[in-house]
Amino acid sequence: QVQLVESGGGLVQAGGSLRLSCAVSGGTFSRYCMGWFRQASGKAREFVAAINWGGDNTYYGDSVKGRFTISRDNAKNTVFLQMSSLKPEDTADYFCAADTDQFITIMAYQYAYWGQGTPVTVSS
């Protein structure tokens, strides 16, 4: 079975940076499109970023463009989310997800596998 494990979340001051990691096992990581989503308390799940198989095609949610960067290391079966210029409104649980086809998507329902999430709290 495919498993995704996020790490790197924590507490950071506004304007600071964090780097999230998602380790994937039990599948062919190099043939998965990968995505990051987040969900704040009491709010709906929100698309953050996505990356294709080769890492040369990325998409970002409007609220994080210019501040967050998604990347992947296929040799290590890991996807990353580098977050900078963090704002209190970035506070949420961040989830890694895998899509098993070659078509990159921002729609959560099209991702087959999900991690448990890692919390990010940004203080003002």
PDB file of N, CA and C in Angstrom:
ATOM      1  N   GLN A   1       0.822  -1.176   0.000  1.00  0.00           N
ATOM      2  CA  GLN A   1       0.000   0.000   0.000  1.00  0.00           C
ATOM      3  C   GLN A   1       0.873   1.248   0.000  1.00  0.00           C
ATOM      4  N   VAL A   2       0.332   2.325  -0.558  1.00  0.00           N
ATOM      5  CA  VAL A   2       1.044   3.591  -0.638  1.00  0.00           C
ATOM      6  C   VAL A   2       0.852   4.356   0.664  1.00  0.00           C
ATOM      7  N   GLN A   3       1.955   4.878   1.200  1.00  0.00           N
ATOM      8  CA  GLN A   3       1.918   5.671   2.420  1.00  0.00           C
ATOM      9  C   GLN A   3       2.644   6.989   2.205  1.00  0.00           C
ATOM     10  N   LEU A   4       2.072   8.056   2.751  1.00  0.00           N
ATOM     11  CA  LEU A   4       2.659   9.382   2.689  1.00  0.00           C
ATOM     12  C   LEU A   4       2.802   9.903   4.116  1.00  0.00           C
ATOM     13  N   VAL A   5       3.983  10.419   4.449  1.00  0.00           N
ATOM     14  CA  VAL A   5       4.250  10.922   5.791  1.00  0.00           C
ATOM     15  C   VAL A   5       4.836  12.317   5.694  1.00  0.00           C
ATOM     16  N   GLU A   6       4.098  13.307   6.210  1.00  0.00           N
ATOM     17  CA  GLU A   6       4.554  14.691   6.214  1.00  0.00           C
ATOM     18  C   GLU A   6       5.381  14.980   7.460  1.00  0.00           C
ATOM     19  N   SER A   7       6.279  15.948   7.342  1.00  0.00           N
ATOM     20  CA  SER A   7       7.061  16.404   8.474  1.00  0.00           C
ATOM     21  C   SER A   7       7.506  17.843   8.230  1.00  0.00           C
ATOM     22  N   GLY A   8       7.989  18.487   9.281  1.00  0.00           N
ATOM     23  CA  GLY A   8       8.549  19.821   9.161  1.00  0.00           C
ATOM     24  C   GLY A   8       7.669  20.946   9.658  1.00  0.00           C
ATOM     25  N   GLY A   9       6.440  20.636  10.047  1.00  0.00           N
ATOM     26  CA  GLY A   9       5.565  21.673  10.557  1.00  0.00           C
ATOM     27  C   GLY A   9       6.005  22.152  11.929  1.00  0.00           C
ATOM     28  N   GLY A  10       5.425  23.267  12.356  1.00  0.00           N
ATOM     29  CA  GLY A  10       5.763  23.813  13.650  1.00  0.00           C
ATOM     30  C   GLY A  10       5.254  25.216  13.819  1.00  0.00           C
ATOM     31  N   LEU A  11       5.789  25.892  14.819  1.00  0.00           N
ATOM     32  CA  LEU A  11       5.427  27.267  15.138  1.00  0.00           C
ATOM     33  C   LEU A  11       6.483  28.212  14.600  1.00  0.00           C
ATOM     34  N   VAL A  12       6.057  29.248  13.901  1.00  0.00           N
ATOM     35  CA  VAL A  12       6.978  30.222  13.330  1.00  0.00           C
ATOM     36  C   VAL A  12       6.370  31.615  13.428  1.00  0.00           C
ATOM     37  N   GLN A  13       7.218  32.604  13.559  1.00  0.00           N
ATOM     38  CA  GLN A  13       6.771  33.988  13.617  1.00  0.00           C
ATOM     39  C   GLN A  13       6.429  34.491  12.217  1.00  0.00           C
ATOM     40  N   ALA A  14       5.472  35.396  12.133  1.00  0.00           N
ATOM     41  CA  ALA A  14       5.122  35.995  10.843  1.00  0.00           C
ATOM     42  C   ALA A  14       6.361  36.560  10.161  1.00  0.00           C
ATOM     43  N   GLY A  15       6.471  36.294   8.857  1.00  0.00           N
ATOM     44  CA  GLY A  15       7.633  36.699   8.091  1.00  0.00           C
ATOM     45  C   GLY A  15       8.718  35.647   8.014  1.00  0.00           C
ATOM     46  N   GLY A  16       8.597  34.599   8.795  1.00  0.00           N
ATOM     47  CA  GLY A  16       9.582  33.540   8.818  1.00  0.00           C
ATOM     48  C   GLY A  16       9.347  32.493   7.753  1.00  0.00           C
ATOM     49  N   SER A  17      10.131  31.409   7.827  1.00  0.00           N
ATOM     50  CA  SER A  17      10.095  30.354   6.822  1.00  0.00           C
ATOM     51  C   SER A  17      10.038  28.977   7.464  1.00  0.00           C
ATOM     52  N   LEU A  18       9.460  28.031   6.740  1.00  0.00           N
ATOM     53  CA  LEU A  18       9.453  26.623   7.094  1.00  0.00           C
ATOM     54  C   LEU A  18       9.564  25.796   5.831  1.00  0.00           C
ATOM     55  N   ARG A  19      10.136  24.602   5.954  1.00  0.00           N
ATOM     56  CA  ARG A  19      10.209  23.668   4.843  1.00  0.00           C
ATOM     57  C   ARG A  19       9.535  22.362   5.244  1.00  0.00           C
ATOM     58  N   LEU A  20       8.452  22.029   4.558  1.00  0.00           N
ATOM     59  CA  LEU A  20       7.747  20.787   4.794  1.00  0.00           C
ATOM     60  C   LEU A  20       8.271  19.700   3.869  1.00  0.00           C
ATOM     61  N   SER A  21       8.265  18.466   4.355  1.00  0.00           N
ATOM     62  CA  SER A  21       8.666  17.315   3.564  1.00  0.00           C
ATOM     63  C   SER A  21       7.559  16.276   3.573  1.00  0.00           C
ATOM     64  N   CYS A  22       7.471  15.502   2.505  1.00  0.00           N
ATOM     65  CA  CYS A  22       6.522  14.402   2.404  1.00  0.00           C
ATOM     66  C   CYS A  22       7.246  13.209   1.818  1.00  0.00           C
ATOM     67  N   ALA A  23       7.418  12.166   2.610  1.00  0.00           N
ATOM     68  CA  ALA A  23       8.080  10.943   2.179  1.00  0.00           C
ATOM     69  C   ALA A  23       7.036   9.931   1.726  1.00  0.00           C
ATOM     70  N   VAL A  24       7.238   9.364   0.545  1.00  0.00           N
ATOM     71  CA  VAL A  24       6.286   8.426  -0.056  1.00  0.00           C
ATOM     72  C   VAL A  24       6.909   7.048  -0.131  1.00  0.00           C
ATOM     73  N   SER A  25       6.148   6.028   0.247  1.00  0.00           N
ATOM     74  CA  SER A  25       6.604   4.647   0.162  1.00  0.00           C
ATOM     75  C   SER A  25       5.481   3.770  -0.373  1.00  0.00           C
ATOM     76  N   GLY A  26       5.852   2.608  -0.920  1.00  0.00           N
ATOM     77  CA  GLY A  26       4.866   1.641  -1.369  1.00  0.00           C
ATOM     78  C   GLY A  26       4.301   1.870  -2.754  1.00  0.00           C
ATOM     79  N   GLY A  27       4.871   2.780  -3.528  1.00  0.00           N
ATOM     80  CA  GLY A  27       4.395   3.069  -4.865  1.00  0.00           C
ATOM     81  C   GLY A  27       5.511   3.580  -5.756  1.00  0.00           C
ATOM     82  N   THR A  28       5.158   3.911  -6.991  1.00  0.00           N
ATOM     83  CA  THR A  28       6.124   4.439  -7.952  1.00  0.00           C
ATOM     84  C   THR A  28       6.085   5.961  -7.894  1.00  0.00           C
ATOM     85  N   PHE A  29       6.848   6.529  -6.969  1.00  0.00           N
ATOM     86  CA  PHE A  29       6.808   7.959  -6.714  1.00  0.00           C
ATOM     87  C   PHE A  29       7.117   8.777  -7.960  1.00  0.00           C
ATOM     88  N   SER A  30       8.081   8.330  -8.765  1.00  0.00           N
ATOM     89  CA  SER A  30       8.503   9.103  -9.927  1.00  0.00           C
ATOM     90  C   SER A  30       7.424   9.213 -10.995  1.00  0.00           C
ATOM     91  N   ARG A  31       6.357   8.435 -10.883  1.00  0.00           N
ATOM     92  CA  ARG A  31       5.241   8.495 -11.819  1.00  0.00           C
ATOM     93  C   ARG A  31       3.968   9.052 -11.168  1.00  0.00           C
ATOM     94  N   TYR A  32       4.112   9.715 -10.024  1.00  0.00           N
ATOM     95  CA  TYR A  32       2.998  10.373  -9.353  1.00  0.00           C
ATOM     96  C   TYR A  32       3.113  11.879  -9.493  1.00  0.00           C
ATOM     97  N   CYS A  33       2.012  12.529  -9.859  1.00  0.00           N
ATOM     98  CA  CYS A  33       1.900  13.955  -9.608  1.00  0.00           C
ATOM     99  C   CYS A  33       1.653  14.145  -8.118  1.00  0.00           C
ATOM    100  N   MET A  34       2.264  15.166  -7.542  1.00  0.00           N
ATOM    101  CA  MET A  34       2.160  15.390  -6.104  1.00  0.00           C
ATOM    102  C   MET A  34       1.552  16.755  -5.820  1.00  0.00           C
ATOM    103  N   GLY A  35       0.806  16.828  -4.728  1.00  0.00           N
ATOM    104  CA  GLY A  35       0.182  18.080  -4.345  1.00  0.00           C
ATOM    105  C   GLY A  35       0.269  18.344  -2.856  1.00  0.00           C
ATOM    106  N   TRP A  36       0.165  19.611  -2.508  1.00  0.00           N
ATOM    107  CA  TRP A  36       0.028  20.044  -1.126  1.00  0.00           C
ATOM    108  C   TRP A  36      -1.301  20.772  -0.969  1.00  0.00           C
ATOM    109  N   PHE A  37      -2.021  20.444   0.091  1.00  0.00           N
ATOM    110  CA  PHE A  37      -3.265  21.100   0.453  1.00  0.00           C
ATOM    111  C   PHE A  37      -3.178  21.515   1.912  1.00  0.00           C
ATOM    112  N   ARG A  38      -4.037  22.430   2.314  1.00  0.00           N
ATOM    113  CA  ARG A  38      -4.077  22.827   3.716  1.00  0.00           C
ATOM    114  C   ARG A  38      -5.519  23.026   4.156  1.00  0.00           C
ATOM    115  N   GLN A  39      -5.732  22.886   5.455  1.00  0.00           N
ATOM    116  CA  GLN A  39      -7.059  23.068   6.016  1.00  0.00           C
ATOM    117  C   GLN A  39      -6.934  23.746   7.371  1.00  0.00           C
ATOM    118  N   ALA A  40      -7.454  24.954   7.454  1.00  0.00           N
ATOM    119  CA  ALA A  40      -7.482  25.687   8.709  1.00  0.00           C
ATOM    120  C   ALA A  40      -8.686  25.241   9.528  1.00  0.00           C
ATOM    121  N   SER A  41      -8.610  25.468  10.831  1.00  0.00           N
ATOM    122  CA  SER A  41      -9.682  25.060  11.723  1.00  0.00           C
ATOM    123  C   SER A  41     -11.004  25.692  11.310  1.00  0.00           C
ATOM    124  N   GLY A  42     -12.021  24.850  11.106  1.00  0.00           N
ATOM    125  CA  GLY A  42     -13.342  25.329  10.745  1.00  0.00           C
ATOM    126  C   GLY A  42     -13.509  25.765   9.309  1.00  0.00           C
ATOM    127  N   LYS A  43     -12.500  25.543   8.461  1.00  0.00           N
ATOM    128  CA  LYS A  43     -12.575  25.976   7.071  1.00  0.00           C
ATOM    129  C   LYS A  43     -12.385  24.799   6.126  1.00  0.00           C
ATOM    130  N   ALA A  44     -12.709  25.019   4.853  1.00  0.00           N
ATOM    131  CA  ALA A  44     -12.600  23.980   3.840  1.00  0.00           C
ATOM    132  C   ALA A  44     -11.149  23.752   3.438  1.00  0.00           C
ATOM    133  N   ARG A  45     -10.893  22.571   2.899  1.00  0.00           N
ATOM    134  CA  ARG A  45      -9.567  22.255   2.391  1.00  0.00           C
ATOM    135  C   ARG A  45      -9.230  23.164   1.209  1.00  0.00           C
ATOM    136  N   GLU A  46      -7.993  23.639   1.164  1.00  0.00           N
ATOM    137  CA  GLU A  46      -7.554  24.602   0.167  1.00  0.00           C
ATOM    138  C   GLU A  46      -6.340  24.073  -0.585  1.00  0.00           C
ATOM    139  N   PHE A  47      -6.353  24.214  -1.910  1.00  0.00           N
ATOM    140  CA  PHE A  47      -5.202  23.844  -2.718  1.00  0.00           C
ATOM    141  C   PHE A  47      -4.052  24.800  -2.466  1.00  0.00           C
ATOM    142  N   VAL A  48      -2.844  24.254  -2.332  1.00  0.00           N
ATOM    143  CA  VAL A  48      -1.650  25.052  -2.097  1.00  0.00           C
ATOM    144  C   VAL A  48      -0.705  24.996  -3.288  1.00  0.00           C
ATOM    145  N   ALA A  49      -0.306  23.787  -3.709  1.00  0.00           N
ATOM    146  CA  ALA A  49       0.679  23.649  -4.776  1.00  0.00           C
ATOM    147  C   ALA A  49       0.633  22.244  -5.341  1.00  0.00           C
ATOM    148  N   ALA A  50       1.073  22.089  -6.603  1.00  0.00           N
ATOM    149  CA  ALA A  50       1.164  20.784  -7.240  1.00  0.00           C
ATOM    150  C   ALA A  50       2.361  20.756  -8.167  1.00  0.00           C
ATOM    151  N   ILE A  51       2.878  19.538  -8.421  1.00  0.00           N
ATOM    152  CA  ILE A  51       4.054  19.364  -9.256  1.00  0.00           C
ATOM    153  C   ILE A  51       3.924  18.070 -10.050  1.00  0.00           C
ATOM    154  N   ASN A  52       4.373  18.098 -11.309  1.00  0.00           N
ATOM    155  CA  ASN A  52       4.246  16.932 -12.165  1.00  0.00           C
ATOM    156  C   ASN A  52       5.394  15.946 -11.947  1.00  0.00           C
ATOM    157  N   TRP A  53       5.384  14.863 -12.751  1.00  0.00           N
ATOM    158  CA  TRP A  53       6.371  13.799 -12.598  1.00  0.00           C
ATOM    159  C   TRP A  53       7.802  14.304 -12.617  1.00  0.00           C
ATOM    160  N   GLY A  54       8.134  15.109 -13.624  1.00  0.00           N
ATOM    161  CA  GLY A  54       9.505  15.541 -13.818  1.00  0.00           C
ATOM    162  C   GLY A  54       9.906  16.756 -13.019  1.00  0.00           C
ATOM    163  N   GLY A  55       8.953  17.423 -12.374  1.00  0.00           N
ATOM    164  CA  GLY A  55       9.263  18.600 -11.586  1.00  0.00           C
ATOM    165  C   GLY A  55       9.406  19.880 -12.385  1.00  0.00           C
ATOM    166  N   ASP A  56       9.057  19.859 -13.674  1.00  0.00           N
ATOM    167  CA  ASP A  56       9.191  21.034 -14.526  1.00  0.00           C
ATOM    168  C   ASP A  56       7.879  21.779 -14.743  1.00  0.00           C
ATOM    169  N   ASN A  57       6.804  21.317 -14.124  1.00  0.00           N
ATOM    170  CA  ASN A  57       5.496  21.950 -14.264  1.00  0.00           C
ATOM    171  C   ASN A  57       4.866  22.048 -12.884  1.00  0.00           C
ATOM    172  N   THR A  58       4.593  23.270 -12.446  1.00  0.00           N
ATOM    173  CA  THR A  58       4.031  23.493 -11.116  1.00  0.00           C
ATOM    174  C   THR A  58       2.844  24.441 -11.174  1.00  0.00           C
ATOM    175  N   TYR A  59       1.964  24.321 -10.179  1.00  0.00           N
ATOM    176  CA  TYR A  59       0.834  25.222  -9.998  1.00  0.00           C
ATOM    177  C   TYR A  59       0.762  25.623  -8.545  1.00  0.00           C
ATOM    178  N   TYR A  60       0.278  26.850  -8.299  1.00  0.00           N
ATOM    179  CA  TYR A  60       0.170  27.370  -6.945  1.00  0.00           C
ATOM    180  C   TYR A  60      -1.184  28.030  -6.736  1.00  0.00           C
ATOM    181  N   GLY A  61      -1.699  27.907  -5.531  1.00  0.00           N
ATOM    182  CA  GLY A  61      -2.879  28.660  -5.178  1.00  0.00           C
ATOM    183  C   GLY A  61      -2.577  30.144  -5.123  1.00  0.00           C
ATOM    184  N   ASP A  62      -3.589  30.961  -5.423  1.00  0.00           N
ATOM    185  CA  ASP A  62      -3.383  32.404  -5.486  1.00  0.00           C
ATOM    186  C   ASP A  62      -2.835  32.978  -4.182  1.00  0.00           C
ATOM    187  N   SER A  63      -3.237  32.430  -3.064  1.00  0.00           N
ATOM    188  CA  SER A  63      -2.849  32.980  -1.775  1.00  0.00           C
ATOM    189  C   SER A  63      -1.386  32.729  -1.415  1.00  0.00           C
ATOM    190  N   VAL A  64      -0.705  31.821  -2.139  1.00  0.00           N
ATOM    191  CA  VAL A  64       0.676  31.486  -1.797  1.00  0.00           C
ATOM    192  C   VAL A  64       1.660  31.796  -2.910  1.00  0.00           C
ATOM    193  N   LYS A  65       1.196  32.253  -4.064  1.00  0.00           N
ATOM    194  CA  LYS A  65       2.084  32.555  -5.178  1.00  0.00           C
ATOM    195  C   LYS A  65       3.136  33.583  -4.774  1.00  0.00           C
ATOM    196  N   GLY A  66       4.375  33.294  -5.134  1.00  0.00           N
ATOM    197  CA  GLY A  66       5.474  34.183  -4.821  1.00  0.00           C
ATOM    198  C   GLY A  66       6.073  33.970  -3.452  1.00  0.00           C
ATOM    199  N   ARG A  67       5.424  33.157  -2.618  1.00  0.00           N
ATOM    200  CA  ARG A  67       5.913  32.905  -1.260  1.00  0.00           C
ATOM    201  C   ARG A  67       6.280  31.443  -1.025  1.00  0.00           C
ATOM    202  N   PHE A  68       5.564  30.525  -1.668  1.00  0.00           N
ATOM    203  CA  PHE A  68       5.789  29.092  -1.483  1.00  0.00           C
ATOM    204  C   PHE A  68       6.395  28.495  -2.748  1.00  0.00           C
ATOM    205  N   THR A  69       7.222  27.459  -2.590  1.00  0.00           N
ATOM    206  CA  THR A  69       7.817  26.744  -3.710  1.00  0.00           C
ATOM    207  C   THR A  69       7.711  25.246  -3.473  1.00  0.00           C
ATOM    208  N   ILE A  70       7.126  24.526  -4.435  1.00  0.00           N
ATOM    209  CA  ILE A  70       7.057  23.075  -4.368  1.00  0.00           C
ATOM    210  C   ILE A  70       8.196  22.488  -5.206  1.00  0.00           C
ATOM    211  N   SER A  71       8.787  21.410  -4.726  1.00  0.00           N
ATOM    212  CA  SER A  71       9.848  20.724  -5.451  1.00  0.00           C
ATOM    213  C   SER A  71       9.810  19.246  -5.090  1.00  0.00           C
ATOM    214  N   ARG A  72      10.567  18.436  -5.836  1.00  0.00           N
ATOM    215  CA  ARG A  72      10.593  17.007  -5.541  1.00  0.00           C
ATOM    216  C   ARG A  72      11.965  16.437  -5.820  1.00  0.00           C
ATOM    217  N   ASP A  73      12.288  15.367  -5.110  1.00  0.00           N
ATOM    218  CA  ASP A  73      13.520  14.616  -5.305  1.00  0.00           C
ATOM    219  C   ASP A  73      13.103  13.171  -5.537  1.00  0.00           C
ATOM    220  N   ASN A  74      13.040  12.760  -6.801  1.00  0.00           N
ATOM    221  CA  ASN A  74      12.551  11.427  -7.128  1.00  0.00           C
ATOM    222  C   ASN A  74      13.491  10.322  -6.632  1.00  0.00           C
ATOM    223  N   ALA A  75      14.771  10.625  -6.503  1.00  0.00           N
ATOM    224  CA  ALA A  75      15.715   9.646  -5.988  1.00  0.00           C
ATOM    225  C   ALA A  75      15.451   9.329  -4.522  1.00  0.00           C
ATOM    226  N   LYS A  76      14.844  10.271  -3.797  1.00  0.00           N
ATOM    227  CA  LYS A  76      14.551  10.087  -2.378  1.00  0.00           C
ATOM    228  C   LYS A  76      13.069   9.891  -2.100  1.00  0.00           C
ATOM    229  N   ASN A  77      12.251   9.807  -3.145  1.00  0.00           N
ATOM    230  CA  ASN A  77      10.803   9.629  -2.999  1.00  0.00           C
ATOM    231  C   ASN A  77      10.200  10.677  -2.058  1.00  0.00           C
ATOM    232  N   THR A  78      10.583  11.929  -2.262  1.00  0.00           N
ATOM    233  CA  THR A  78      10.180  12.990  -1.353  1.00  0.00           C
ATOM    234  C   THR A  78       9.762  14.236  -2.124  1.00  0.00           C
ATOM    235  N   VAL A  79       8.694  14.875  -1.657  1.00  0.00           N
ATOM    236  CA  VAL A  79       8.265  16.162  -2.180  1.00  0.00           C
ATOM    237  C   VAL A  79       8.373  17.188  -1.055  1.00  0.00           C
ATOM    238  N   PHE A  80       8.709  18.426  -1.415  1.00  0.00           N
ATOM    239  CA  PHE A  80       8.950  19.479  -0.443  1.00  0.00           C
ATOM    240  C   PHE A  80       8.031  20.666  -0.696  1.00  0.00           C
ATOM    241  N   LEU A  81       7.779  21.421   0.347  1.00  0.00           N
ATOM    242  CA  LEU A  81       7.101  22.701   0.236  1.00  0.00           C
ATOM    243  C   LEU A  81       7.889  23.719   1.046  1.00  0.00           C
ATOM    244  N   GLN A  82       8.597  24.595   0.346  1.00  0.00           N
ATOM    245  CA  GLN A  82       9.340  25.665   0.993  1.00  0.00           C
ATOM    246  C   GLN A  82       8.418  26.861   1.157  1.00  0.00           C
ATOM    247  N   MET A  83       8.197  27.279   2.388  1.00  0.00           N
ATOM    248  CA  MET A  83       7.284  28.369   2.695  1.00  0.00           C
ATOM    249  C   MET A  83       8.079  29.533   3.266  1.00  0.00           C
ATOM    250  N   SER A  84       7.926  30.704   2.680  1.00  0.00           N
ATOM    251  CA  SER A  84       8.592  31.904   3.150  1.00  0.00           C
ATOM    252  C   SER A  84       7.581  33.031   3.291  1.00  0.00           C
ATOM    253  N   SER A  85       8.016  34.111   3.936  1.00  0.00           N
ATOM    254  CA  SER A  85       7.139  35.261   4.187  1.00  0.00           C
ATOM    255  C   SER A  85       5.802  34.817   4.763  1.00  0.00           C
ATOM    256  N   LEU A  86       5.864  33.952   5.748  1.00  0.00           N
ATOM    257  CA  LEU A  86       4.652  33.356   6.293  1.00  0.00           C
ATOM    258  C   LEU A  86       3.781  34.393   6.992  1.00  0.00           C
ATOM    259  N   LYS A  87       2.478  34.182   6.866  1.00  0.00           N
ATOM    260  CA  LYS A  87       1.474  35.068   7.434  1.00  0.00           C
ATOM    261  C   LYS A  87       0.605  34.287   8.405  1.00  0.00           C
ATOM    262  N   PRO A  88      -0.019  34.958   9.374  1.00  0.00           N
ATOM    263  CA  PRO A  88      -0.920  34.249  10.286  1.00  0.00           C
ATOM    264  C   PRO A  88      -2.011  33.469   9.565  1.00  0.00           C
ATOM    265  N   GLU A  89      -2.482  33.955   8.428  1.00  0.00           N
ATOM    266  CA  GLU A  89      -3.513  33.251   7.679  1.00  0.00           C
ATOM    267  C   GLU A  89      -3.017  31.972   7.014  1.00  0.00           C
ATOM    268  N   ASP A  90      -1.705  31.713   7.047  1.00  0.00           N
ATOM    269  CA  ASP A  90      -1.163  30.443   6.571  1.00  0.00           C
ATOM    270  C   ASP A  90      -1.308  29.332   7.606  1.00  0.00           C
ATOM    271  N   THR A  91      -1.721  29.667   8.807  1.00  0.00           N
ATOM    272  CA  THR A  91      -1.895  28.679   9.864  1.00  0.00           C
ATOM    273  C   THR A  91      -2.925  27.632   9.448  1.00  0.00           C
ATOM    274  N   ALA A  92      -2.524  26.358   9.462  1.00  0.00           N
ATOM    275  CA  ALA A  92      -3.395  25.271   9.022  1.00  0.00           C
ATOM    276  C   ALA A  92      -2.664  23.950   9.204  1.00  0.00           C
ATOM    277  N   ASP A  93      -3.408  22.861   9.036  1.00  0.00           N
ATOM    278  CA  ASP A  93      -2.801  21.551   8.861  1.00  0.00           C
ATOM    279  C   ASP A  93      -2.490  21.377   7.383  1.00  0.00           C
ATOM    280  N   TYR A  94      -1.259  20.992   7.072  1.00  0.00           N
ATOM    281  CA  TYR A  94      -0.816  20.838   5.689  1.00  0.00           C
ATOM    282  C   TYR A  94      -0.733  19.360   5.333  1.00  0.00           C
ATOM    283  N   PHE A  95      -1.347  18.992   4.204  1.00  0.00           N
ATOM    284  CA  PHE A  95      -1.445  17.613   3.764  1.00  0.00           C
ATOM    285  C   PHE A  95      -0.739  17.412   2.427  1.00  0.00           C
ATOM    286  N   CYS A  96      -0.029  16.324   2.316  1.00  0.00           N
ATOM    287  CA  CYS A  96       0.582  15.881   1.078  1.00  0.00           C
ATOM    288  C   CYS A  96      -0.332  14.861   0.413  1.00  0.00           C
ATOM    289  N   ALA A  97      -0.421  14.886  -0.924  1.00  0.00           N
ATOM    290  CA  ALA A  97      -1.278  13.963  -1.649  1.00  0.00           C
ATOM    291  C   ALA A  97      -0.613  13.521  -2.944  1.00  0.00           C
ATOM    292  N   ALA A  98      -0.972  12.311  -3.409  1.00  0.00           N
ATOM    293  CA  ALA A  98      -0.408  11.729  -4.626  1.00  0.00           C
ATOM    294  C   ALA A  98      -1.505  11.390  -5.617  1.00  0.00           C
ATOM    295  N   ASP A  99      -1.280  11.747  -6.876  1.00  0.00           N
ATOM    296  CA  ASP A  99      -2.148  11.398  -7.997  1.00  0.00           C
ATOM    297  C   ASP A  99      -1.385  10.424  -8.883  1.00  0.00           C
ATOM    298  N   THR A 100      -2.028   9.318  -9.261  1.00  0.00           N
ATOM    299  CA  THR A 100      -1.322   8.242  -9.949  1.00  0.00           C
ATOM    300  C   THR A 100      -1.265   8.380 -11.465  1.00  0.00           C
ATOM    301  N   ASP A 101      -1.812   9.445 -12.046  1.00  0.00           N
ATOM    302  CA  ASP A 101      -1.718   9.640 -13.486  1.00  0.00           C
ATOM    303  C   ASP A 101      -0.817  10.830 -13.817  1.00  0.00           C
ATOM    304  N   GLN A 102      -0.651  11.098 -15.124  1.00  0.00           N
ATOM    305  CA  GLN A 102       0.299  12.107 -15.565  1.00  0.00           C
ATOM    306  C   GLN A 102      -0.294  13.503 -15.699  1.00  0.00           C
ATOM    307  N   PHE A 103      -1.577  13.676 -15.366  1.00  0.00           N
ATOM    308  CA  PHE A 103      -2.253  14.954 -15.541  1.00  0.00           C
ATOM    309  C   PHE A 103      -2.284  15.709 -14.216  1.00  0.00           C
ATOM    310  N   ILE A 104      -1.523  16.780 -14.137  1.00  0.00           N
ATOM    311  CA  ILE A 104      -1.457  17.573 -12.921  1.00  0.00           C
ATOM    312  C   ILE A 104      -2.815  18.219 -12.654  1.00  0.00           C
ATOM    313  N   THR A 105      -3.214  18.265 -11.389  1.00  0.00           N
ATOM    314  CA  THR A 105      -4.529  18.773 -11.037  1.00  0.00           C
ATOM    315  C   THR A 105      -4.475  19.528  -9.716  1.00  0.00           C
ATOM    316  N   ILE A 106      -5.389  20.489  -9.570  1.00  0.00           N
ATOM    317  CA  ILE A 106      -5.538  21.215  -8.317  1.00  0.00           C
ATOM    318  C   ILE A 106      -6.744  20.724  -7.522  1.00  0.00           C
ATOM    319  N   MET A 107      -7.462  19.728  -8.043  1.00  0.00           N
ATOM    320  CA  MET A 107      -8.691  19.255  -7.416  1.00  0.00           C
ATOM    321  C   MET A 107      -8.384  18.133  -6.430  1.00  0.00           C
ATOM    322  N   ALA A 108      -8.778  18.332  -5.184  1.00  0.00           N
ATOM    323  CA  ALA A 108      -8.447  17.379  -4.136  1.00  0.00           C
ATOM    324  C   ALA A 108      -9.007  15.988  -4.405  1.00  0.00           C
ATOM    325  N   TYR A 109     -10.216  15.907  -4.990  1.00  0.00           N
ATOM    326  CA  TYR A 109     -10.854  14.608  -5.188  1.00  0.00           C
ATOM    327  C   TYR A 109     -10.128  13.745  -6.198  1.00  0.00           C
ATOM    328  N   GLN A 110      -9.249  14.306  -6.999  1.00  0.00           N
ATOM    329  CA  GLN A 110      -8.513  13.544  -8.000  1.00  0.00           C
ATOM    330  C   GLN A 110      -7.227  12.923  -7.447  1.00  0.00           C
ATOM    331  N   TYR A 111      -6.890  13.206  -6.205  1.00  0.00           N
ATOM    332  CA  TYR A 111      -5.711  12.620  -5.577  1.00  0.00           C
ATOM    333  C   TYR A 111      -6.099  11.339  -4.849  1.00  0.00           C
ATOM    334  N   ALA A 112      -5.371  10.271  -5.122  1.00  0.00           N
ATOM    335  CA  ALA A 112      -5.730   8.954  -4.619  1.00  0.00           C
ATOM    336  C   ALA A 112      -5.236   8.687  -3.201  1.00  0.00           C
ATOM    337  N   TYR A 113      -4.093   9.248  -2.832  1.00  0.00           N
ATOM    338  CA  TYR A 113      -3.465   8.940  -1.553  1.00  0.00           C
ATOM    339  C   TYR A 113      -3.146  10.214  -0.790  1.00  0.00           C
ATOM    340  N   TRP A 114      -3.307  10.139   0.526  1.00  0.00           N
ATOM    341  CA  TRP A 114      -3.124  11.305   1.393  1.00  0.00           C
ATOM    342  C   TRP A 114      -2.331  10.954   2.636  1.00  0.00           C
ATOM    343  N   GLY A 115      -1.533  11.914   3.100  1.00  0.00           N
ATOM    344  CA  GLY A 115      -0.865  11.769   4.375  1.00  0.00           C
ATOM    345  C   GLY A 115      -1.753  12.218   5.522  1.00  0.00           C
ATOM    346  N   GLN A 116      -1.220  12.121   6.743  1.00  0.00           N
ATOM    347  CA  GLN A 116      -1.971  12.484   7.937  1.00  0.00           C
ATOM    348  C   GLN A 116      -1.934  13.974   8.240  1.00  0.00           C
ATOM    349  N   GLY A 117      -1.020  14.699   7.633  1.00  0.00           N
ATOM    350  CA  GLY A 117      -0.925  16.128   7.826  1.00  0.00           C
ATOM    351  C   GLY A 117       0.128  16.518   8.844  1.00  0.00           C
ATOM    352  N   THR A 118       0.620  17.742   8.719  1.00  0.00           N
ATOM    353  CA  THR A 118       1.545  18.317   9.681  1.00  0.00           C
ATOM    354  C   THR A 118       1.095  19.745   9.976  1.00  0.00           C
ATOM    355  N   PRO A 119       1.034  20.135  11.246  1.00  0.00           N
ATOM    356  CA  PRO A 119       0.495  21.445  11.585  1.00  0.00           C
ATOM    357  C   PRO A 119       1.517  22.567  11.426  1.00  0.00           C
ATOM    358  N   VAL A 120       1.039  23.696  10.915  1.00  0.00           N
ATOM    359  CA  VAL A 120       1.828  24.915  10.802  1.00  0.00           C
ATOM    360  C   VAL A 120       1.074  26.033  11.498  1.00  0.00           C
ATOM    361  N   THR A 121       1.733  26.688  12.440  1.00  0.00           N
ATOM    362  CA  THR A 121       1.140  27.812  13.152  1.00  0.00           C
ATOM    363  C   THR A 121       2.035  29.028  12.989  1.00  0.00           C
ATOM    364  N   VAL A 122       1.465  30.113  12.498  1.00  0.00           N
ATOM    365  CA  VAL A 122       2.207  31.351  12.272  1.00  0.00           C
ATOM    366  C   VAL A 122       1.678  32.401  13.233  1.00  0.00           C
ATOM    367  N   SER A 123       2.535  32.884  14.100  1.00  0.00           N
ATOM    368  CA  SER A 123       2.147  33.886  15.083  1.00  0.00           C
ATOM    369  C   SER A 123       2.398  35.290  14.550  1.00  0.00           C
ATOM    370  N   SER A 124       1.603  36.240  15.014  1.00  0.00           N
ATOM    371  CA  SER A 124       1.736  37.616  14.578  1.00  0.00           C
ATOM    372  C   SER A 124       2.696  38.388  15.455  1.00  0.00           C
TER     373      SER A 124
END
